[in-house]
Amino acid sequence: MHDFATSSDPAVQTQLDRLAALSLPQGRLGLETMRALLARLRDPHLRLPPVFHVAGTNGKGSTCAFLRAMLEAEGYSVHATTSPHLVRYNERIRVAGKLIANARLAELLAEVLDASEGLSPSFFEVTIAASFLEFARVPADACVVEVGLGGRFDATNVIPRPAVCGIAALGIDHERFLLAPEDGVPTEPLARIAFEKAGIAKPGVPLVTLDYPDAARAAIAATAARMGAPVFARNAAWGVKPGGGDCHVVYGEGDACYFHGPPPAMPGRHQVSNAGLAIAMLRRQSLLPVSEDAMKAGVANARWPARMQRLAPGPLTGLAPGRTIWLDGGHNADAGLAIARFFGGIEPDAANPLQRLHLVIGMIEGKDPAALTGPLGSSIASLTVVPVPMHDHHPSAAFGPDALAAPDVPAALAALPEDRLPVLIAGSLYLAGEVLRLNGEQPD
C-alpha cells in the first residue's frame, strides 16, 4: 500500500519517485529494519525533544492537532509528524511549527534514501526516519508523533521513552494488517486492534486512553501491565463531556471538574473526546507544564483539515453555488457513525436535527462501502460515486442500485439538482486531498 505523493518541485519529485519505488515485503513484521536504518543515521530518535506519541483508529490526527495547538499556545516550539498527507508530502513533517521547505525536504529524503541502500525499507519507514533526523537537528521543545498503522510494529514505535502515550478511538480498520493470524494475541477483533495500539506503551510512561468495550479495555490493561506502563482511562482517571448548553465544554478528572473550556473549533461531538484526550495527556506528563489558559486556547484554535471541514468559497465549491459543502476523510464504520451524529442521523436532538444531504463518495478497495451509507441512511438525498485518484476504488455498483457515477468531484457537484441541500464529500483521505487541491485550500 502506497501513499502516493507528487511535488511541483523537481528536486523533491526526484526523491518522491525513489520513495514510490519502495515496497513493504509481504509478511515482514517488526522494527528491525527501522532500527537498522536509524543506526545508519546515528540514531536520531534518541535525541528528540519530549515526545507525545498517539495511536488510535480514528481521532489520532485530531488529538495530535489539539496537542500541538495547546503546546504552541503555551509558547513551546513543536515538531510534528502526521500521516497521510492531503495535498503535499511536506505536510507529514512539521519542523518547529512550520511545514518543511522543499529544498530541505529534497536534501533530507536523499540523505535517508541513500543511507537505506540494501535495507529495503518501506515508504513510511523512510518518512519517519527523515522526520526524526530533522527533529534531532533542529531545536524545539516538543515532538508530537502520530502512529501510522497499528502501534506495536509501527515505524514510530522506536522511541524508548516518550513523555506520554495516548490511544484515541478504536475501530475495525486495516484488517489485512492488524487482524492477521498470530499466536498469543487476542482473537476478538476489537481486542486485537486494542492490543496492537497498546504496543506503544513504555515502562513507566503514562498511557492515557479513552473508554472502550470490556475486551478492548482488558487487552490494553494486560499489555500496559506487562510493559509497566500506568494506564489513565477515560471515566476512570479522567472525564470530558459537553456542558453549559452549546457554549462550553467541561473537562474534568474523576469527579473534580478543573475548568470549563470553549467547545472545539473542529465540528463534531467526537472532537470533544479528542480534545479531552489531549488535555489528559498533557496533565499526566511532567516534562512540559501547560497552563489551563493554553489548553483552552488550543481547544478553541486547533484545526485539522478534512475532518468535518466546511469548504471555503473556491473553484470547486463555485460549481455548486448556494450550498454548504462539507469534507471528511472518514472511511470506516466508526467514522461513519461520527459523521451521522454530526448531521443528526443518529441521536438527533434540537441542536442537531436530522438533515438531508447529497453524498459524494469515493472509497479505495478493501474498505466497506456501507461504512458511511449505513449510518447516514435515509438522510442521503442522492449518492454519487467518484474515483479515488491514483488508487484502486469501489465502482458505483458497490453502493447499490440507486448510486450514480461521476468521473470526478467537479462533475458530481455540477450534476446536483438545484435544491440547495448541503453536500458531504467523504470516503477517503486521498479523495479529500484532491478536493482541497481543486478548491485551492492547501494545508499549511
Protein backbone atom coordinates (compact mmCIF):
# COMPACT_ATOMS: atom_id res chain seq x y z
CA MET A 1 0.00 0.00 0.00
CA HIS A 2 1.49 3.33 -1.04
CA ASP A 3 0.67 6.88 -0.04
CA PHE A 4 1.30 8.37 -3.46
CA ALA A 5 3.00 11.74 -3.49
CA THR A 6 3.83 14.32 -6.13
CA SER A 7 5.54 17.70 -5.99
CA SER A 8 5.87 20.69 -8.28
CA ASP A 9 9.49 20.98 -7.11
CA PRO A 10 11.73 18.87 -9.39
CA ALA A 11 14.27 18.10 -6.66
CA VAL A 12 11.55 16.90 -4.29
CA GLN A 13 9.87 14.91 -7.05
CA THR A 14 13.13 13.08 -7.78
CA GLN A 15 13.18 11.82 -4.20
CA LEU A 16 9.45 11.08 -4.15
CA ASP A 17 9.96 8.90 -7.23
CA ARG A 18 12.57 6.96 -5.26
CA LEU A 19 10.12 6.68 -2.35
CA ALA A 20 7.35 5.42 -4.63
CA ALA A 21 9.60 2.58 -5.80
CA LEU A 22 9.81 1.18 -2.27
CA SER A 23 7.53 -1.64 -1.21
CA LEU A 24 6.94 -3.45 2.05
CA PRO A 25 7.97 -7.09 1.64
CA GLN A 26 4.94 -9.29 2.22
CA GLY A 27 4.91 -10.78 5.68
CA ARG A 28 7.67 -8.59 7.14
CA LEU A 29 6.85 -7.55 10.68
CA GLY A 30 8.96 -5.99 13.37
CA LEU A 31 11.14 -2.93 13.87
CA GLU A 32 14.49 -4.41 12.86
CA THR A 33 14.65 -2.60 9.51
CA MET A 34 13.64 0.70 11.08
CA ARG A 35 16.25 0.35 13.82
CA ALA A 36 18.94 -0.56 11.28
CA LEU A 37 18.10 2.50 9.17
CA LEU A 38 18.17 4.78 12.19
CA ALA A 39 21.51 3.29 13.27
CA ARG A 40 22.98 4.30 9.91
CA LEU A 41 21.69 7.81 10.60
CA ARG A 42 23.32 7.83 14.10
CA ASP A 43 20.10 7.15 15.98
CA PRO A 44 18.31 10.49 15.78
CA HIS A 45 15.30 9.01 17.63
CA LEU A 46 17.44 9.01 20.78
CA ARG A 47 17.96 12.79 20.57
CA LEU A 48 14.41 14.08 20.25
CA PRO A 49 12.69 16.64 22.47
CA PRO A 50 9.93 15.23 24.72
CA VAL A 51 7.64 13.08 22.57
CA PHE A 52 3.83 12.92 22.70
CA HIS A 53 3.01 9.60 20.99
CA VAL A 54 -0.58 9.00 19.79
CA ALA A 55 -2.17 5.82 18.39
CA GLY A 56 -5.79 5.01 17.52
CA THR A 57 -8.09 4.05 14.68
CA ASN A 58 -9.98 7.33 14.46
CA GLY A 59 -9.15 10.69 16.01
CA LYS A 60 -5.41 10.32 16.50
CA GLY A 61 -4.66 13.06 13.96
CA SER A 62 -7.15 15.40 15.60
CA THR A 63 -5.70 14.60 19.03
CA CYS A 64 -2.25 15.48 17.67
CA ALA A 65 -3.65 18.75 16.34
CA PHE A 66 -5.05 19.61 19.78
CA LEU A 67 -1.74 18.70 21.45
CA ARG A 68 0.24 20.87 19.07
CA ALA A 69 -2.17 23.81 19.44
CA MET A 70 -2.08 23.62 23.24
CA LEU A 71 1.70 23.31 23.43
CA GLU A 72 2.17 26.19 20.99
CA ALA A 73 -0.33 28.31 22.94
CA GLU A 74 1.95 27.85 25.95
CA GLY A 75 4.81 29.23 23.85
CA TYR A 76 6.60 25.97 23.10
CA SER A 77 8.17 25.20 19.74
CA VAL A 78 6.74 21.93 18.42
CA HIS A 79 7.86 19.39 15.82
CA ALA A 80 5.12 17.10 14.45
CA THR A 81 4.87 14.15 12.12
CA THR A 82 1.44 13.00 10.93
CA SER A 83 0.02 10.94 8.08
CA PRO A 84 -1.18 10.69 5.45
CA HIS A 85 -0.63 13.97 3.67
CA LEU A 86 -3.59 15.52 1.89
CA VAL A 87 -2.10 17.72 -0.85
CA ARG A 88 1.69 17.83 -0.37
CA TYR A 89 4.09 15.32 1.15
CA ASN A 90 5.57 18.23 3.17
CA GLU A 91 2.51 18.07 5.45
CA ARG A 92 3.95 14.95 7.06
CA ILE A 93 6.94 16.79 8.55
CA ARG A 94 6.33 19.97 10.55
CA VAL A 95 9.56 21.42 11.90
CA ALA A 96 9.33 23.87 14.80
CA GLY A 97 5.81 24.78 13.80
CA LYS A 98 6.26 25.09 10.03
CA LEU A 99 5.93 22.58 7.20
CA ILE A 100 9.33 21.52 5.95
CA ALA A 101 10.53 23.58 2.98
CA ASN A 102 11.00 21.93 -0.41
CA ALA A 103 14.76 22.46 -0.61
CA ARG A 104 15.36 20.94 2.81
CA LEU A 105 12.90 18.10 2.15
CA ALA A 106 14.75 17.09 -1.02
CA GLU A 107 18.09 17.04 0.82
CA LEU A 108 16.67 15.13 3.77
CA LEU A 109 14.96 12.42 1.71
CA ALA A 110 18.07 11.98 -0.41
CA GLU A 111 20.17 11.51 2.73
CA VAL A 112 17.83 8.91 4.22
CA LEU A 113 17.25 7.04 0.96
CA ASP A 114 21.00 6.89 0.30
CA ALA A 115 21.54 5.52 3.80
CA SER A 116 18.85 2.87 3.29
CA GLU A 117 20.54 1.06 0.40
CA GLY A 118 20.20 -2.69 0.87
CA LEU A 119 17.71 -2.47 3.74
CA SER A 120 14.50 -2.36 1.62
CA PRO A 121 12.62 -0.03 3.96
CA SER A 122 9.02 0.98 3.33
CA PHE A 123 7.70 4.39 2.25
CA PHE A 124 6.59 5.07 5.82
CA GLU A 125 9.83 3.90 7.44
CA VAL A 126 11.83 6.32 5.28
CA THR A 127 9.36 9.12 6.06
CA ILE A 128 9.61 8.61 9.82
CA ALA A 129 13.38 8.25 9.71
CA ALA A 130 13.57 11.55 7.79
CA SER A 131 11.25 13.20 10.31
CA PHE A 132 13.27 12.05 13.31
CA LEU A 133 16.55 13.03 11.64
CA GLU A 134 15.34 16.61 11.11
CA PHE A 135 13.71 16.78 14.55
CA ALA A 136 17.00 15.80 16.16
CA ARG A 137 18.87 18.54 14.27
CA VAL A 138 16.51 21.49 14.69
CA PRO A 139 15.92 22.72 18.26
CA ALA A 140 12.35 22.51 19.61
CA ASP A 141 10.62 21.94 22.93
CA ALA A 142 8.36 19.03 21.99
CA CYS A 143 7.57 16.40 19.36
CA VAL A 144 4.04 15.28 18.51
CA VAL A 145 4.21 11.91 16.78
CA GLU A 146 1.20 10.18 15.19
CA VAL A 147 1.31 6.43 14.74
CA GLY A 148 0.87 5.40 11.11
CA LEU A 149 -0.64 1.90 11.30
CA GLY A 150 -1.32 -0.14 14.44
CA GLY A 151 1.31 0.65 17.02
CA ARG A 152 3.26 -2.43 18.06
CA PHE A 153 5.18 -2.69 14.77
CA ASP A 154 4.69 0.88 13.58
CA ALA A 155 7.84 2.68 12.44
CA THR A 156 7.28 5.38 15.09
CA ASN A 157 7.47 2.80 17.89
CA VAL A 158 11.24 3.05 18.30
CA ILE A 159 11.15 5.96 20.74
CA PRO A 160 12.44 4.49 24.01
CA ARG A 161 10.74 6.81 26.47
CA PRO A 162 8.10 9.31 25.32
CA ALA A 163 6.80 11.93 27.72
CA VAL A 164 3.34 10.35 27.45
CA CYS A 165 1.43 7.99 25.17
CA GLY A 166 -2.22 8.19 24.16
CA ILE A 167 -4.77 5.98 22.41
CA ALA A 168 -7.71 7.60 20.64
CA ALA A 169 -10.90 5.91 19.43
CA LEU A 170 -10.72 2.25 18.38
CA GLY A 171 -12.46 0.63 15.43
CA ILE A 172 -12.01 -2.07 12.83
CA ASP A 173 -9.78 -0.85 10.02
CA HIS A 174 -6.75 -2.13 8.09
CA GLU A 175 -7.94 -5.67 8.85
CA ARG A 176 -5.45 -7.31 6.48
CA PHE A 177 -2.56 -5.92 8.50
CA LEU A 178 -3.90 -5.65 12.04
CA LEU A 179 -6.01 -8.83 12.21
CA ALA A 180 -3.50 -11.18 10.55
CA PRO A 181 -3.39 -14.55 12.35
CA GLU A 182 -0.73 -14.73 15.05
CA ASP A 183 -0.18 -16.92 18.09
CA GLY A 184 -0.54 -15.48 21.55
CA VAL A 185 -2.62 -12.43 20.69
CA PRO A 186 -6.30 -11.64 21.35
CA THR A 187 -8.69 -13.20 18.82
CA GLU A 188 -11.71 -10.92 19.30
CA PRO A 189 -11.27 -8.26 16.56
CA LEU A 190 -11.55 -5.07 18.61
CA ALA A 191 -9.43 -6.57 21.39
CA ARG A 192 -6.77 -7.42 18.80
CA ILE A 193 -6.88 -3.84 17.49
CA ALA A 194 -6.52 -2.58 21.08
CA PHE A 195 -3.58 -4.94 21.63
CA GLU A 196 -1.82 -3.56 18.55
CA LYS A 197 -2.40 0.07 19.57
CA ALA A 198 -1.28 -0.59 23.16
CA GLY A 199 2.02 -1.80 21.74
CA ILE A 200 3.27 1.80 22.03
CA ALA A 201 3.22 1.50 25.86
CA LYS A 202 6.60 2.01 27.52
CA PRO A 203 7.85 1.24 31.05
CA GLY A 204 6.93 3.99 33.47
CA VAL A 205 5.39 6.19 30.75
CA PRO A 206 1.75 7.25 31.32
CA LEU A 207 -0.66 5.66 28.84
CA VAL A 208 -3.81 7.78 28.52
CA THR A 209 -6.84 6.21 26.81
CA LEU A 210 -10.48 6.69 26.04
CA ASP A 211 -13.08 4.23 27.35
CA TYR A 212 -13.62 1.07 25.29
CA PRO A 213 -15.67 -2.13 25.41
CA ASP A 214 -14.58 -4.66 28.03
CA ALA A 215 -12.47 -6.92 25.77
CA ALA A 216 -10.53 -3.99 24.29
CA ARG A 217 -10.03 -2.39 27.69
CA ALA A 218 -8.72 -5.70 29.07
CA ALA A 219 -6.29 -6.09 26.16
CA ILE A 220 -4.85 -2.62 26.79
CA ALA A 221 -4.62 -3.23 30.54
CA ALA A 222 -2.79 -6.53 30.01
CA THR A 223 -0.26 -5.02 27.61
CA ALA A 224 0.30 -1.99 29.83
CA ALA A 225 0.80 -4.21 32.88
CA ARG A 226 3.33 -6.34 31.02
CA MET A 227 5.22 -3.19 29.95
CA GLY A 228 4.96 -1.49 33.33
CA ALA A 229 3.01 1.48 31.97
CA PRO A 230 0.41 3.16 34.22
CA VAL A 231 -2.98 3.50 32.48
CA PHE A 232 -5.22 6.55 32.81
CA ALA A 233 -8.54 5.75 31.15
CA ARG A 234 -11.49 7.97 30.46
CA ASN A 235 -14.30 7.59 33.01
CA ALA A 236 -11.84 6.03 35.45
CA ALA A 237 -8.97 8.53 35.78
CA TRP A 238 -10.37 11.46 33.82
CA GLY A 239 -13.55 12.65 32.14
CA VAL A 240 -14.79 15.00 29.49
CA LYS A 241 -18.29 15.99 28.47
CA PRO A 242 -20.16 18.76 26.68
CA GLY A 243 -21.56 21.20 29.16
CA GLY A 244 -23.03 24.65 29.61
CA GLY A 245 -25.51 24.33 26.75
CA ASP A 246 -23.74 24.91 23.45
CA CYS A 247 -21.26 27.36 24.89
CA HIS A 248 -18.83 25.35 26.96
CA VAL A 249 -17.11 22.03 27.29
CA VAL A 250 -16.45 20.71 30.77
CA TYR A 251 -13.14 18.90 31.23
CA GLY A 252 -12.77 17.04 34.49
CA GLU A 253 -10.64 14.43 36.21
CA GLY A 254 -12.58 11.92 38.26
CA ASP A 255 -15.40 13.78 39.97
CA ALA A 256 -13.48 17.04 40.21
CA CYS A 257 -14.06 19.45 37.35
CA TYR A 258 -10.98 21.58 36.97
CA PHE A 259 -12.01 24.03 34.31
CA HIS A 260 -14.65 24.97 31.80
CA GLY A 261 -13.29 25.50 28.33
CA PRO A 262 -14.67 26.57 24.98
CA PRO A 263 -16.04 24.00 22.54
CA PRO A 264 -13.58 22.69 19.96
CA ALA A 265 -13.43 24.71 16.77
CA MET A 266 -13.46 21.43 14.84
CA PRO A 267 -17.08 20.32 14.33
CA GLY A 268 -18.49 17.07 15.70
CA ARG A 269 -19.11 15.70 19.17
CA HIS A 270 -16.22 13.27 18.79
CA GLN A 271 -13.82 16.21 18.86
CA VAL A 272 -14.75 16.80 22.49
CA SER A 273 -13.32 13.35 23.25
CA ASN A 274 -10.18 14.04 21.21
CA ALA A 275 -9.64 17.38 22.96
CA GLY A 276 -10.18 15.70 26.32
CA LEU A 277 -7.64 13.02 25.48
CA ALA A 278 -5.08 15.69 24.57
CA ILE A 279 -5.71 17.56 27.83
CA ALA A 280 -5.43 14.37 29.88
CA MET A 281 -2.14 13.54 28.14
CA LEU A 282 -0.75 16.98 28.94
CA ARG A 283 -1.81 16.68 32.58
CA ARG A 284 -0.25 13.23 33.01
CA GLN A 285 3.20 14.13 31.69
CA SER A 286 5.66 16.06 33.83
CA LEU A 287 8.25 17.42 31.39
CA LEU A 288 6.42 20.42 29.91
CA PRO A 289 3.96 22.33 32.08
CA VAL A 290 0.92 23.65 30.18
CA SER A 291 -1.48 26.14 31.75
CA GLU A 292 -5.25 25.93 31.67
CA ASP A 293 -5.35 29.08 29.56
CA ALA A 294 -3.10 27.45 26.95
CA MET A 295 -5.30 24.34 26.96
CA LYS A 296 -8.38 26.47 26.39
CA ALA A 297 -6.68 28.38 23.58
CA GLY A 298 -5.60 25.12 21.97
CA VAL A 299 -9.11 23.67 22.11
CA ALA A 300 -10.55 26.81 20.54
CA ASN A 301 -7.91 27.21 17.84
CA ALA A 302 -6.88 23.71 16.74
CA ARG A 303 -7.54 22.91 13.09
CA TRP A 304 -7.18 19.63 11.23
CA PRO A 305 -8.05 19.62 7.52
CA ALA A 306 -10.60 17.20 6.02
CA ARG A 307 -12.20 16.34 9.34
CA MET A 308 -15.73 17.69 9.01
CA GLN A 309 -14.25 20.71 7.27
CA ARG A 310 -16.59 23.24 5.73
CA LEU A 311 -15.09 24.14 2.39
CA ALA A 312 -14.43 27.80 1.74
CA PRO A 313 -15.53 29.63 -1.42
CA GLY A 314 -13.29 28.44 -4.24
CA PRO A 315 -13.13 26.95 -7.73
CA LEU A 316 -14.72 23.67 -6.61
CA THR A 317 -17.48 25.00 -4.36
CA GLY A 318 -18.32 27.50 -7.10
CA LEU A 319 -19.68 24.57 -9.12
CA ALA A 320 -22.48 24.17 -6.57
CA PRO A 321 -23.41 27.72 -5.56
CA GLY A 322 -25.70 28.37 -2.63
CA ARG A 323 -24.77 25.18 -0.81
CA THR A 324 -22.77 24.28 2.26
CA ILE A 325 -20.17 21.70 1.26
CA TRP A 326 -18.54 19.55 3.93
CA LEU A 327 -15.40 17.44 3.51
CA ASP A 328 -14.41 14.47 5.66
CA GLY A 329 -11.79 11.78 5.12
CA GLY A 330 -13.74 9.19 7.13
CA HIS A 331 -13.76 5.71 5.59
CA ASN A 332 -14.68 3.17 8.29
CA ALA A 333 -17.77 2.33 10.32
CA ASP A 334 -16.84 4.37 13.38
CA ALA A 335 -16.11 7.40 11.23
CA GLY A 336 -19.50 6.85 9.59
CA LEU A 337 -21.21 6.95 12.98
CA ALA A 338 -19.40 10.18 13.91
CA ILE A 339 -20.41 11.78 10.60
CA ALA A 340 -24.02 10.67 11.05
CA ARG A 341 -24.11 12.15 14.54
CA PHE A 342 -22.84 15.44 13.17
CA PHE A 343 -25.64 15.59 10.61
CA GLY A 344 -28.21 14.42 13.14
CA GLY A 345 -28.72 10.99 11.60
CA ILE A 346 -28.01 9.28 14.90
CA GLU A 347 -29.27 10.55 18.26
CA PRO A 348 -30.73 13.69 16.65
CA ASP A 349 -31.62 16.49 19.02
CA ALA A 350 -32.87 20.06 18.85
CA ALA A 351 -29.37 21.42 18.37
CA ASN A 352 -28.55 18.94 15.61
CA PRO A 353 -31.75 17.87 13.80
CA LEU A 354 -31.82 15.29 11.04
CA GLN A 355 -30.60 16.81 7.77
CA ARG A 356 -30.93 15.56 4.24
CA LEU A 357 -27.78 15.84 2.20
CA HIS A 358 -26.15 14.86 -1.05
CA LEU A 359 -23.29 12.39 -0.54
CA VAL A 360 -20.35 12.35 -2.94
CA ILE A 361 -18.23 9.34 -2.04
CA GLY A 362 -15.01 7.71 -3.18
CA MET A 363 -13.57 4.65 -1.41
CA ILE A 364 -10.46 2.63 -2.05
CA GLU A 365 -10.81 -1.12 -2.49
CA GLY A 366 -10.81 -3.07 0.73
CA LYS A 367 -12.98 -0.57 2.61
CA ASP A 368 -16.62 -1.31 3.43
CA PRO A 369 -18.95 0.58 1.04
CA ALA A 370 -21.64 0.63 3.74
CA ALA A 371 -19.38 2.21 6.37
CA LEU A 372 -20.80 5.67 5.65
CA THR A 373 -24.00 4.98 3.77
CA GLY A 374 -25.32 2.70 6.53
CA PRO A 375 -25.18 5.24 9.37
CA LEU A 376 -26.39 8.13 7.15
CA GLY A 377 -29.32 6.02 5.93
CA SER A 378 -32.41 7.92 4.87
CA SER A 379 -30.71 11.30 5.23
CA ILE A 380 -28.97 10.71 1.87
CA ALA A 381 -30.88 12.63 -0.82
CA SER A 382 -28.53 11.39 -3.55
CA LEU A 383 -25.42 9.23 -3.69
CA THR A 384 -22.74 9.88 -6.31
CA VAL A 385 -19.67 7.67 -6.53
CA VAL A 386 -16.39 9.09 -7.84
CA PRO A 387 -12.93 7.58 -8.38
CA VAL A 388 -10.15 8.00 -5.81
CA PRO A 389 -7.26 9.45 -7.83
CA MET A 390 -4.26 7.11 -8.22
CA HIS A 391 -5.88 4.33 -6.17
CA ASP A 392 -7.99 1.26 -6.90
CA HIS A 393 -11.50 2.13 -5.78
CA HIS A 394 -15.04 0.80 -5.49
CA PRO A 395 -17.33 1.27 -8.52
CA SER A 396 -20.79 2.76 -8.15
CA ALA A 397 -22.36 -0.73 -8.25
CA ALA A 398 -20.78 -1.48 -4.86
CA PHE A 399 -23.02 1.18 -3.28
CA GLY A 400 -26.34 -0.21 -4.51
CA PRO A 401 -28.70 0.26 -7.44
CA ASP A 402 -29.52 3.89 -6.67
CA ALA A 403 -25.91 5.07 -6.70
CA LEU A 404 -24.89 7.38 -9.50
CA ALA A 405 -21.45 7.52 -11.06
CA ALA A 406 -19.39 10.59 -11.95
CA PRO A 407 -15.88 10.81 -13.42
CA ASP A 408 -14.70 13.21 -10.71
CA VAL A 409 -15.86 15.50 -7.91
CA PRO A 410 -16.37 18.59 -10.12
CA ALA A 411 -18.72 16.60 -12.37
CA ALA A 412 -20.57 15.22 -9.36
CA LEU A 413 -21.15 18.70 -7.92
CA ALA A 414 -22.18 20.18 -11.26
CA ALA A 415 -24.83 17.47 -11.72
CA LEU A 416 -26.61 18.01 -8.40
CA PRO A 417 -30.26 19.15 -8.51
CA GLU A 418 -30.95 22.77 -7.62
CA ASP A 419 -32.34 22.13 -4.15
CA ARG A 420 -29.62 23.85 -2.07
CA LEU A 421 -29.26 20.82 0.22
CA PRO A 422 -25.83 20.50 1.86
CA VAL A 423 -23.20 18.24 0.34
CA LEU A 424 -20.84 15.84 2.06
CA ILE A 425 -17.73 14.65 0.20
CA ALA A 426 -16.25 11.68 2.05
CA GLY A 427 -14.88 8.14 1.92
CA SER A 428 -11.11 8.61 1.64
CA LEU A 429 -8.38 10.94 2.84
CA TYR A 430 -6.80 10.59 -0.59
CA LEU A 431 -10.01 11.89 -2.17
CA ALA A 432 -10.12 14.65 0.45
CA GLY A 433 -6.65 15.78 -0.56
CA GLU A 434 -7.74 16.04 -4.18
CA VAL A 435 -10.78 18.09 -3.15
CA LEU A 436 -8.64 20.54 -1.16
CA ARG A 437 -6.25 20.87 -4.09
CA LEU A 438 -9.11 21.55 -6.53
CA ASN A 439 -10.60 24.15 -4.21
CA GLY A 440 -7.30 25.92 -3.57
CA GLU A 441 -7.24 25.09 0.14
CA GLN A 442 -3.73 23.76 0.57
CA PRO A 443 -2.97 22.81 4.20
CA ASP A 444 -0.23 24.90 5.76
